[in-house]
């Protein structure tokens, strides 16, 4: 198998948000904030766990109208407050 075929897909998002960097970073890394804003209107965050350190894990338990209960989890690969956050992303549960 070629090296290219073994690589996992990568998604990189860059956005400009009219808010202080510290506030945006906290919104992505604080369980209480994630419960308030994460997901579309048809999605509710039932629980959010955050271990904010390189190698630490996060897990969000969600309830959605279309998919029922699902989880999003991953591991933090780079944590540089408030400038950079790099993490993996994995869906668990019903993903029709």
PDB file of N, CA and C in Angstrom:
ATOM      1  N   UNK A   1       0.851  -1.175   0.000  1.00  0.00           N
ATOM      2  CA  UNK A   1       0.000   0.000   0.000  1.00  0.00           C
ATOM      3  C   UNK A   1       0.895   1.235   0.000  1.00  0.00           C
ATOM      4  N   UNK A   2       0.552   2.212  -0.808  1.00  0.00           N
ATOM      5  CA  UNK A   2       1.363   3.421  -0.897  1.00  0.00           C
ATOM      6  C   UNK A   2       1.198   4.273   0.352  1.00  0.00           C
ATOM      7  N   UNK A   3       2.167   5.152   0.591  1.00  0.00           N
ATOM      8  CA  UNK A   3       2.116   6.039   1.749  1.00  0.00           C
ATOM      9  C   UNK A   3       0.884   6.935   1.694  1.00  0.00           C
ATOM     10  N   UNK A   4       0.524   7.424   0.518  1.00  0.00           N
ATOM     11  CA  UNK A   4      -0.651   8.295   0.365  1.00  0.00           C
ATOM     12  C   UNK A   4      -1.936   7.571   0.742  1.00  0.00           C
ATOM     13  N   UNK A   5      -2.032   6.284   0.421  1.00  0.00           N
ATOM     14  CA  UNK A   5      -3.241   5.514   0.725  1.00  0.00           C
ATOM     15  C   UNK A   5      -3.380   5.266   2.222  1.00  0.00           C
ATOM     16  N   UNK A   6      -2.280   5.297   2.977  1.00  0.00           N
ATOM     17  CA  UNK A   6      -2.312   5.055   4.407  1.00  0.00           C
ATOM     18  C   UNK A   6      -2.653   6.309   5.206  1.00  0.00           C
ATOM     19  N   UNK A   7      -2.557   7.477   4.621  1.00  0.00           N
ATOM     20  CA  UNK A   7      -2.822   8.720   5.330  1.00  0.00           C
ATOM     21  C   UNK A   7      -4.300   8.868   5.639  1.00  0.00           C
ATOM     22  N   UNK A   8      -4.595   9.415   6.825  1.00  0.00           N
ATOM     23  CA  UNK A   8      -5.974   9.684   7.204  1.00  0.00           C
ATOM     24  C   UNK A   8      -6.366  11.050   6.671  1.00  0.00           C
ATOM     25  N   UNK A   9      -7.652  11.250   6.396  1.00  0.00           N
ATOM     26  CA  UNK A   9      -8.101  12.552   5.911  1.00  0.00           C
ATOM     27  C   UNK A   9      -7.851  13.633   6.957  1.00  0.00           C
ATOM     28  N   UNK A  10      -7.570  14.831   6.489  1.00  0.00           N
ATOM     29  CA  UNK A  10      -7.322  15.977   7.364  1.00  0.00           C
ATOM     30  C   UNK A  10      -8.263  17.096   6.960  1.00  0.00           C
ATOM     31  N   UNK A  11      -8.866  17.713   7.959  1.00  0.00           N
ATOM     32  CA  UNK A  11      -9.721  18.868   7.736  1.00  0.00           C
ATOM     33  C   UNK A  11      -9.149  20.013   8.542  1.00  0.00           C
ATOM     34  N   UNK A  12      -8.870  21.115   7.885  1.00  0.00           N
ATOM     35  CA  UNK A  12      -8.350  22.300   8.567  1.00  0.00           C
ATOM     36  C   UNK A  12      -9.306  23.444   8.320  1.00  0.00           C
ATOM     37  N   UNK A  13      -9.773  24.057   9.412  1.00  0.00           N
ATOM     38  CA  UNK A  13     -10.685  25.187   9.312  1.00  0.00           C
ATOM     39  C   UNK A  13     -10.025  26.424   9.891  1.00  0.00           C
ATOM     40  N   UNK A  14     -10.163  27.517   9.205  1.00  0.00           N
ATOM     41  CA  UNK A  14      -9.696  28.809   9.682  1.00  0.00           C
ATOM     42  C   UNK A  14     -10.858  29.771   9.586  1.00  0.00           C
ATOM     43  N   UNK A  15     -11.179  30.432  10.678  1.00  0.00           N
ATOM     44  CA  UNK A  15     -12.285  31.382  10.710  1.00  0.00           C
ATOM     45  C   UNK A  15     -11.853  32.638  11.453  1.00  0.00           C
ATOM     46  N   UNK A  16     -12.418  33.762  11.066  1.00  0.00           N
ATOM     47  CA  UNK A  16     -12.236  35.000  11.799  1.00  0.00           C
ATOM     48  C   UNK A  16     -13.534  35.267  12.545  1.00  0.00           C
ATOM     49  N   UNK A  17     -13.444  35.369  13.856  1.00  0.00           N
ATOM     50  CA  UNK A  17     -14.613  35.579  14.702  1.00  0.00           C
ATOM     51  C   UNK A  17     -14.406  36.875  15.462  1.00  0.00           C
ATOM     52  N   UNK A  18     -15.419  37.719  15.459  1.00  0.00           N
ATOM     53  CA  UNK A  18     -15.335  39.032  16.106  1.00  0.00           C
ATOM     54  C   UNK A  18     -15.496  38.879  17.617  1.00  0.00           C
ATOM     55  N   UNK A  19     -14.476  38.348  18.260  1.00  0.00           N
ATOM     56  CA  UNK A  19     -14.459  38.172  19.712  1.00  0.00           C
ATOM     57  C   UNK A  19     -13.009  38.050  20.153  1.00  0.00           C
ATOM     58  N   UNK A  20     -12.734  38.323  21.415  1.00  0.00           N
ATOM     59  CA  UNK A  20     -11.364  38.144  21.908  1.00  0.00           C
ATOM     60  C   UNK A  20     -10.912  36.694  21.761  1.00  0.00           C
ATOM     61  N   UNK A  21      -9.649  36.497  21.426  1.00  0.00           N
ATOM     62  CA  UNK A  21      -9.102  35.153  21.222  1.00  0.00           C
ATOM     63  C   UNK A  21      -9.319  34.256  22.433  1.00  0.00           C
ATOM     64  N   UNK A  22      -9.137  34.816  23.624  1.00  0.00           N
ATOM     65  CA  UNK A  22      -9.301  34.039  24.844  1.00  0.00           C
ATOM     66  C   UNK A  22     -10.733  33.503  24.978  1.00  0.00           C
ATOM     67  N   UNK A  23     -11.698  34.312  24.596  1.00  0.00           N
ATOM     68  CA  UNK A  23     -13.108  33.891  24.692  1.00  0.00           C
ATOM     69  C   UNK A  23     -13.416  32.765  23.692  1.00  0.00           C
ATOM     70  N   UNK A  24     -12.898  32.894  22.485  1.00  0.00           N
ATOM     71  CA  UNK A  24     -13.121  31.859  21.463  1.00  0.00           C
ATOM     72  C   UNK A  24     -12.435  30.559  21.882  1.00  0.00           C
ATOM     73  N   UNK A  25     -11.205  30.655  22.363  1.00  0.00           N
ATOM     74  CA  UNK A  25     -10.478  29.463  22.805  1.00  0.00           C
ATOM     75  C   UNK A  25     -11.242  28.773  23.941  1.00  0.00           C
ATOM     76  N   UNK A  26     -11.734  29.553  24.893  1.00  0.00           N
ATOM     77  CA  UNK A  26     -12.496  28.995  26.015  1.00  0.00           C
ATOM     78  C   UNK A  26     -13.781  28.334  25.530  1.00  0.00           C
ATOM     79  N   UNK A  27     -14.419  28.895  24.513  1.00  0.00           N
ATOM     80  CA  UNK A  27     -15.656  28.314  23.978  1.00  0.00           C
ATOM     81  C   UNK A  27     -15.409  26.918  23.415  1.00  0.00           C
ATOM     82  N   UNK A  28     -14.233  26.690  22.849  1.00  0.00           N
ATOM     83  CA  UNK A  28     -13.900  25.386  22.263  1.00  0.00           C
ATOM     84  C   UNK A  28     -13.322  24.406  23.281  1.00  0.00           C
ATOM     85  N   UNK A  29     -12.925  24.896  24.465  1.00  0.00           N
ATOM     86  CA  UNK A  29     -12.173  24.032  25.384  1.00  0.00           C
ATOM     87  C   UNK A  29     -12.766  23.937  26.783  1.00  0.00           C
ATOM     88  N   UNK A  30     -13.896  24.557  27.032  1.00  0.00           N
ATOM     89  CA  UNK A  30     -14.531  24.527  28.346  1.00  0.00           C
ATOM     90  C   UNK A  30     -15.853  23.773  28.229  1.00  0.00           C
ATOM     91  N   UNK A  31     -16.018  22.731  29.024  1.00  0.00           N
ATOM     92  CA  UNK A  31     -17.215  21.884  28.933  1.00  0.00           C
ATOM     93  C   UNK A  31     -18.497  22.703  29.073  1.00  0.00           C
ATOM     94  N   UNK A  32     -18.528  23.640  29.996  1.00  0.00           N
ATOM     95  CA  UNK A  32     -19.733  24.438  30.208  1.00  0.00           C
ATOM     96  C   UNK A  32     -20.088  25.250  28.961  1.00  0.00           C
ATOM     97  N   UNK A  33     -19.090  25.826  28.315  1.00  0.00           N
ATOM     98  CA  UNK A  33     -19.337  26.616  27.099  1.00  0.00           C
ATOM     99  C   UNK A  33     -19.764  25.722  25.936  1.00  0.00           C
ATOM    100  N   UNK A  34     -19.146  24.571  25.806  1.00  0.00           N
ATOM    101  CA  UNK A  34     -19.480  23.642  24.721  1.00  0.00           C
ATOM    102  C   UNK A  34     -20.948  23.227  24.820  1.00  0.00           C
ATOM    103  N   UNK A  35     -21.431  23.014  26.028  1.00  0.00           N
ATOM    104  CA  UNK A  35     -22.837  22.621  26.231  1.00  0.00           C
ATOM    105  C   UNK A  35     -23.802  23.689  25.740  1.00  0.00           C
ATOM    106  N   UNK A  36     -23.359  24.940  25.715  1.00  0.00           N
ATOM    107  CA  UNK A  36     -24.224  26.050  25.314  1.00  0.00           C
ATOM    108  C   UNK A  36     -24.296  26.210  23.799  1.00  0.00           C
ATOM    109  N   UNK A  37     -23.175  26.111  23.101  1.00  0.00           N
ATOM    110  CA  UNK A  37     -23.154  26.516  21.688  1.00  0.00           C
ATOM    111  C   UNK A  37     -22.973  25.382  20.687  1.00  0.00           C
ATOM    112  N   UNK A  38     -22.462  24.245  21.079  1.00  0.00           N
ATOM    113  CA  UNK A  38     -22.021  23.235  20.116  1.00  0.00           C
ATOM    114  C   UNK A  38     -23.186  22.623  19.343  1.00  0.00           C
ATOM    115  N   UNK A  39     -23.016  22.498  18.052  1.00  0.00           N
ATOM    116  CA  UNK A  39     -23.963  21.804  17.189  1.00  0.00           C
ATOM    117  C   UNK A  39     -25.059  22.704  16.641  1.00  0.00           C
ATOM    118  N   UNK A  40     -25.813  22.177  15.667  1.00  0.00           N
ATOM    119  CA  UNK A  40     -26.926  22.934  15.090  1.00  0.00           C
ATOM    120  C   UNK A  40     -28.099  23.003  16.068  1.00  0.00           C
ATOM    121  N   UNK A  41     -29.121  23.752  15.706  1.00  0.00           N
ATOM    122  CA  UNK A  41     -30.286  23.920  16.582  1.00  0.00           C
ATOM    123  C   UNK A  41     -30.961  22.601  16.930  1.00  0.00           C
ATOM    124  N   UNK A  42     -30.903  21.619  16.043  1.00  0.00           N
ATOM    125  CA  UNK A  42     -31.556  20.332  16.278  1.00  0.00           C
ATOM    126  C   UNK A  42     -30.702  19.391  17.131  1.00  0.00           C
ATOM    127  N   UNK A  43     -29.633  19.901  17.707  1.00  0.00           N
ATOM    128  CA  UNK A  43     -28.689  19.093  18.476  1.00  0.00           C
ATOM    129  C   UNK A  43     -28.569  19.659  19.895  1.00  0.00           C
ATOM    130  N   UNK A  44     -28.563  18.749  20.879  1.00  0.00           N
ATOM    131  CA  UNK A  44     -28.366  19.137  22.275  1.00  0.00           C
ATOM    132  C   UNK A  44     -27.149  18.418  22.813  1.00  0.00           C
ATOM    133  N   UNK A  45     -26.298  19.119  23.538  1.00  0.00           N
ATOM    134  CA  UNK A  45     -25.155  18.488  24.183  1.00  0.00           C
ATOM    135  C   UNK A  45     -25.621  17.995  25.550  1.00  0.00           C
ATOM    136  N   UNK A  46     -25.613  16.685  25.733  1.00  0.00           N
ATOM    137  CA  UNK A  46     -26.038  16.085  26.993  1.00  0.00           C
ATOM    138  C   UNK A  46     -24.918  16.095  28.021  1.00  0.00           C
ATOM    139  N   UNK A  47     -23.690  15.919  27.546  1.00  0.00           N
ATOM    140  CA  UNK A  47     -22.531  15.898  28.432  1.00  0.00           C
ATOM    141  C   UNK A  47     -21.296  16.282  27.628  1.00  0.00           C
ATOM    142  N   UNK A  48     -20.364  16.946  28.276  1.00  0.00           N
ATOM    143  CA  UNK A  48     -19.091  17.295  27.643  1.00  0.00           C
ATOM    144  C   UNK A  48     -17.978  17.086  28.654  1.00  0.00           C
ATOM    145  N   UNK A  49     -16.979  16.315  28.256  1.00  0.00           N
ATOM    146  CA  UNK A  49     -15.804  16.070  29.089  1.00  0.00           C
ATOM    147  C   UNK A  49     -14.586  16.580  28.330  1.00  0.00           C
ATOM    148  N   UNK A  50     -13.735  17.349  28.999  1.00  0.00           N
ATOM    149  CA  UNK A  50     -12.572  17.946  28.356  1.00  0.00           C
ATOM    150  C   UNK A  50     -11.350  17.766  29.254  1.00  0.00           C
ATOM    151  N   UNK A  51     -10.310  17.134  28.739  1.00  0.00           N
ATOM    152  CA  UNK A  51      -9.018  17.011  29.413  1.00  0.00           C
ATOM    153  C   UNK A  51      -8.030  17.791  28.557  1.00  0.00           C
ATOM    154  N   UNK A  52      -7.974  19.098  28.772  1.00  0.00           N
ATOM    155  CA  UNK A  52      -7.256  20.017  27.892  1.00  0.00           C
ATOM    156  C   UNK A  52      -5.757  20.002  28.147  1.00  0.00           C
ATOM    157  N   UNK A  53      -5.093  19.065  27.501  1.00  0.00           N
ATOM    158  CA  UNK A  53      -3.631  18.953  27.522  1.00  0.00           C
ATOM    159  C   UNK A  53      -3.231  18.100  26.330  1.00  0.00           C
ATOM    160  N   UNK A  54      -2.020  18.241  25.887  1.00  0.00           N
ATOM    161  CA  UNK A  54      -1.545  17.406  24.785  1.00  0.00           C
ATOM    162  C   UNK A  54      -1.661  15.951  25.223  1.00  0.00           C
ATOM    163  N   UNK A  55      -2.350  15.154  24.420  1.00  0.00           N
ATOM    164  CA  UNK A  55      -2.605  13.761  24.751  1.00  0.00           C
ATOM    165  C   UNK A  55      -3.900  13.557  25.523  1.00  0.00           C
ATOM    166  N   UNK A  56      -4.485  14.648  26.032  1.00  0.00           N
ATOM    167  CA  UNK A  56      -5.756  14.560  26.745  1.00  0.00           C
ATOM    168  C   UNK A  56      -6.892  14.289  25.774  1.00  0.00           C
ATOM    169  N   UNK A  57      -7.993  13.793  26.292  1.00  0.00           N
ATOM    170  CA  UNK A  57      -9.134  13.448  25.446  1.00  0.00           C
ATOM    171  C   UNK A  57     -10.329  14.329  25.757  1.00  0.00           C
ATOM    172  N   UNK A  58     -11.220  14.423  24.780  1.00  0.00           N
ATOM    173  CA  UNK A  58     -12.505  15.078  24.977  1.00  0.00           C
ATOM    174  C   UNK A  58     -13.585  14.127  24.493  1.00  0.00           C
ATOM    175  N   UNK A  59     -14.792  14.289  25.026  1.00  0.00           N
ATOM    176  CA  UNK A  59     -15.927  13.482  24.590  1.00  0.00           C
ATOM    177  C   UNK A  59     -17.190  14.300  24.794  1.00  0.00           C
ATOM    178  N   UNK A  60     -17.981  14.457  23.744  1.00  0.00           N
ATOM    179  CA  UNK A  60     -19.266  15.152  23.818  1.00  0.00           C
ATOM    180  C   UNK A  60     -20.360  14.138  23.511  1.00  0.00           C
ATOM    181  N   UNK A  61     -21.321  14.019  24.381  1.00  0.00           N
ATOM    182  CA  UNK A  61     -22.479  13.162  24.130  1.00  0.00           C
ATOM    183  C   UNK A  61     -23.592  14.072  23.633  1.00  0.00           C
ATOM    184  N   UNK A  62     -24.124  13.768  22.456  1.00  0.00           N
ATOM    185  CA  UNK A  62     -25.105  14.615  21.796  1.00  0.00           C
ATOM    186  C   UNK A  62     -26.420  13.885  21.595  1.00  0.00           C
ATOM    187  N   UNK A  63     -27.494  14.644  21.562  1.00  0.00           N
ATOM    188  CA  UNK A  63     -28.806  14.122  21.193  1.00  0.00           C
ATOM    189  C   UNK A  63     -29.273  14.924  19.982  1.00  0.00           C
ATOM    190  N   UNK A  64     -29.556  14.218  18.892  1.00  0.00           N
ATOM    191  CA  UNK A  64     -29.980  14.897  17.667  1.00  0.00           C
ATOM    192  C   UNK A  64     -31.328  14.355  17.211  1.00  0.00           C
ATOM    193  N   UNK A  65     -32.077  15.192  16.531  1.00  0.00           N
ATOM    194  CA  UNK A  65     -33.384  14.768  16.014  1.00  0.00           C
ATOM    195  C   UNK A  65     -33.239  13.648  14.993  1.00  0.00           C
ATOM    196  N   UNK A  66     -32.266  13.758  14.109  1.00  0.00           N
ATOM    197  CA  UNK A  66     -32.125  12.799  13.018  1.00  0.00           C
ATOM    198  C   UNK A  66     -31.391  11.520  13.408  1.00  0.00           C
ATOM    199  N   UNK A  67     -30.369  11.626  14.263  1.00  0.00           N
ATOM    200  CA  UNK A  67     -29.508  10.478  14.538  1.00  0.00           C
ATOM    201  C   UNK A  67     -29.666   9.897  15.935  1.00  0.00           C
ATOM    202  N   UNK A  68     -30.466  10.498  16.783  1.00  0.00           N
ATOM    203  CA  UNK A  68     -30.578  10.025  18.159  1.00  0.00           C
ATOM    204  C   UNK A  68     -29.348  10.437  18.946  1.00  0.00           C
ATOM    205  N   UNK A  69     -28.924   9.584  19.870  1.00  0.00           N
ATOM    206  CA  UNK A  69     -27.749   9.896  20.682  1.00  0.00           C
ATOM    207  C   UNK A  69     -26.483   9.424  19.984  1.00  0.00           C
ATOM    208  N   UNK A  70     -25.514  10.314  19.924  1.00  0.00           N
ATOM    209  CA  UNK A  70     -24.214  10.015  19.329  1.00  0.00           C
ATOM    210  C   UNK A  70     -23.134  10.648  20.195  1.00  0.00           C
ATOM    211  N   UNK A  71     -21.898  10.240  19.972  1.00  0.00           N
ATOM    212  CA  UNK A  71     -20.766  10.825  20.678  1.00  0.00           C
ATOM    213  C   UNK A  71     -19.747  11.318  19.670  1.00  0.00           C
ATOM    214  N   UNK A  72     -19.102  12.397  20.047  1.00  0.00           N
ATOM    215  CA  UNK A  72     -17.946  12.919  19.320  1.00  0.00           C
ATOM    216  C   UNK A  72     -16.796  12.877  20.312  1.00  0.00           C
ATOM    217  N   UNK A  73     -15.682  12.309  19.897  1.00  0.00           N
ATOM    218  CA  UNK A  73     -14.543  12.236  20.807  1.00  0.00           C
ATOM    219  C   UNK A  73     -13.253  12.404  20.027  1.00  0.00           C
ATOM    220  N   UNK A  74     -12.198  12.640  20.755  1.00  0.00           N
ATOM    221  CA  UNK A  74     -10.896  12.783  20.128  1.00  0.00           C
ATOM    222  C   UNK A  74      -9.823  13.046  21.164  1.00  0.00           C
ATOM    223  N   UNK A  75      -8.638  13.324  20.645  1.00  0.00           N
ATOM    224  CA  UNK A  75      -7.466  13.555  21.488  1.00  0.00           C
ATOM    225  C   UNK A  75      -6.811  14.865  21.054  1.00  0.00           C
ATOM    226  N   UNK A  76      -6.409  15.652  22.043  1.00  0.00           N
ATOM    227  CA  UNK A  76      -5.733  16.914  21.754  1.00  0.00           C
ATOM    228  C   UNK A  76      -4.283  16.643  21.353  1.00  0.00           C
ATOM    229  N   UNK A  77      -3.894  17.186  20.207  1.00  0.00           N
ATOM    230  CA  UNK A  77      -2.543  16.995  19.700  1.00  0.00           C
ATOM    231  C   UNK A  77      -1.664  18.217  19.920  1.00  0.00           C
ATOM    232  N   UNK A  78      -2.272  19.389  19.953  1.00  0.00           N
ATOM    233  CA  UNK A  78      -1.541  20.621  20.233  1.00  0.00           C
ATOM    234  C   UNK A  78      -2.486  21.572  20.952  1.00  0.00           C
ATOM    235  N   UNK A  79      -2.009  22.136  22.070  1.00  0.00           N
ATOM    236  CA  UNK A  79      -2.798  23.071  22.861  1.00  0.00           C
ATOM    237  C   UNK A  79      -1.905  24.272  23.159  1.00  0.00           C
ATOM    238  N   UNK A  80      -2.185  25.393  22.486  1.00  0.00           N
ATOM    239  CA  UNK A  80      -1.413  26.615  22.668  1.00  0.00           C
ATOM    240  C   UNK A  80      -2.389  27.771  22.893  1.00  0.00           C
ATOM    241  N   UNK A  81      -2.864  27.944  24.145  1.00  0.00           N
ATOM    242  CA  UNK A  81      -3.857  28.992  24.416  1.00  0.00           C
ATOM    243  C   UNK A  81      -3.274  30.392  24.194  1.00  0.00           C
ATOM    244  N   UNK A  82      -4.023  31.304  23.648  1.00  0.00           N
ATOM    245  CA  UNK A  82      -5.305  31.138  22.989  1.00  0.00           C
ATOM    246  C   UNK A  82      -5.161  31.061  21.478  1.00  0.00           C
ATOM    247  N   UNK A  83      -3.996  30.628  20.994  1.00  0.00           N
ATOM    248  CA  UNK A  83      -3.674  30.727  19.572  1.00  0.00           C
ATOM    249  C   UNK A  83      -3.999  29.507  18.724  1.00  0.00           C
ATOM    250  N   UNK A  84      -3.823  28.308  19.271  1.00  0.00           N
ATOM    251  CA  UNK A  84      -3.941  27.142  18.410  1.00  0.00           C
ATOM    252  C   UNK A  84      -4.454  25.938  19.186  1.00  0.00           C
ATOM    253  N   UNK A  85      -5.360  25.194  18.527  1.00  0.00           N
ATOM    254  CA  UNK A  85      -5.908  23.972  19.091  1.00  0.00           C
ATOM    255  C   UNK A  85      -5.975  22.943  17.967  1.00  0.00           C
ATOM    256  N   UNK A  86      -5.270  21.842  18.129  1.00  0.00           N
ATOM    257  CA  UNK A  86      -5.247  20.770  17.135  1.00  0.00           C
ATOM    258  C   UNK A  86      -5.731  19.502  17.834  1.00  0.00           C
ATOM    259  N   UNK A  87      -6.701  18.818  17.207  1.00  0.00           N
ATOM    260  CA  UNK A  87      -7.269  17.626  17.832  1.00  0.00           C
ATOM    261  C   UNK A  87      -7.796  16.673  16.774  1.00  0.00           C
ATOM    262  N   UNK A  88      -7.950  15.423  17.178  1.00  0.00           N
ATOM    263  CA  UNK A  88      -8.566  14.417  16.303  1.00  0.00           C
ATOM    264  C   UNK A  88     -10.074  14.466  16.526  1.00  0.00           C
ATOM    265  N   UNK A  89     -10.822  13.805  15.632  1.00  0.00           N
ATOM    266  CA  UNK A  89     -12.284  13.846  15.679  1.00  0.00           C
ATOM    267  C   UNK A  89     -12.815  12.487  15.272  1.00  0.00           C
ATOM    268  N   UNK A  90     -13.703  11.923  16.092  1.00  0.00           N
ATOM    269  CA  UNK A  90     -14.287  10.624  15.763  1.00  0.00           C
ATOM    270  C   UNK A  90     -15.737  10.592  16.213  1.00  0.00           C
ATOM    271  N   UNK A  91     -16.625  10.158  15.291  1.00  0.00           N
ATOM    272  CA  UNK A  91     -18.039   9.962  15.615  1.00  0.00           C
ATOM    273  C   UNK A  91     -18.213   8.566  16.163  1.00  0.00           C
ATOM    274  N   UNK A  92     -19.106   8.414  17.136  1.00  0.00           N
ATOM    275  CA  UNK A  92     -19.482   7.093  17.651  1.00  0.00           C
ATOM    276  C   UNK A  92     -20.992   7.053  17.731  1.00  0.00           C
ATOM    277  N   UNK A  93     -21.593   5.942  17.355  1.00  0.00           N
ATOM    278  CA  UNK A  93     -23.034   5.803  17.457  1.00  0.00           C
ATOM    279  C   UNK A  93     -23.694   5.795  16.094  1.00  0.00           C
ATOM    280  N   UNK A  94     -24.980   6.056  16.062  1.00  0.00           N
ATOM    281  CA  UNK A  94     -25.782   6.014  14.848  1.00  0.00           C
ATOM    282  C   UNK A  94     -25.400   7.148  13.904  1.00  0.00           C
ATOM    283  N   UNK A  95     -24.877   6.807  12.732  1.00  0.00           N
ATOM    284  CA  UNK A  95     -24.426   7.802  11.764  1.00  0.00           C
ATOM    285  C   UNK A  95     -25.024   7.551  10.381  1.00  0.00           C
ATOM    286  N   UNK A  96     -26.235   7.146  10.304  1.00  0.00           N
ATOM    287  CA  UNK A  96     -26.879   6.819   9.018  1.00  0.00           C
ATOM    288  C   UNK A  96     -26.421   7.686   7.917  1.00  0.00           C
TER     289      UNK A  96
END
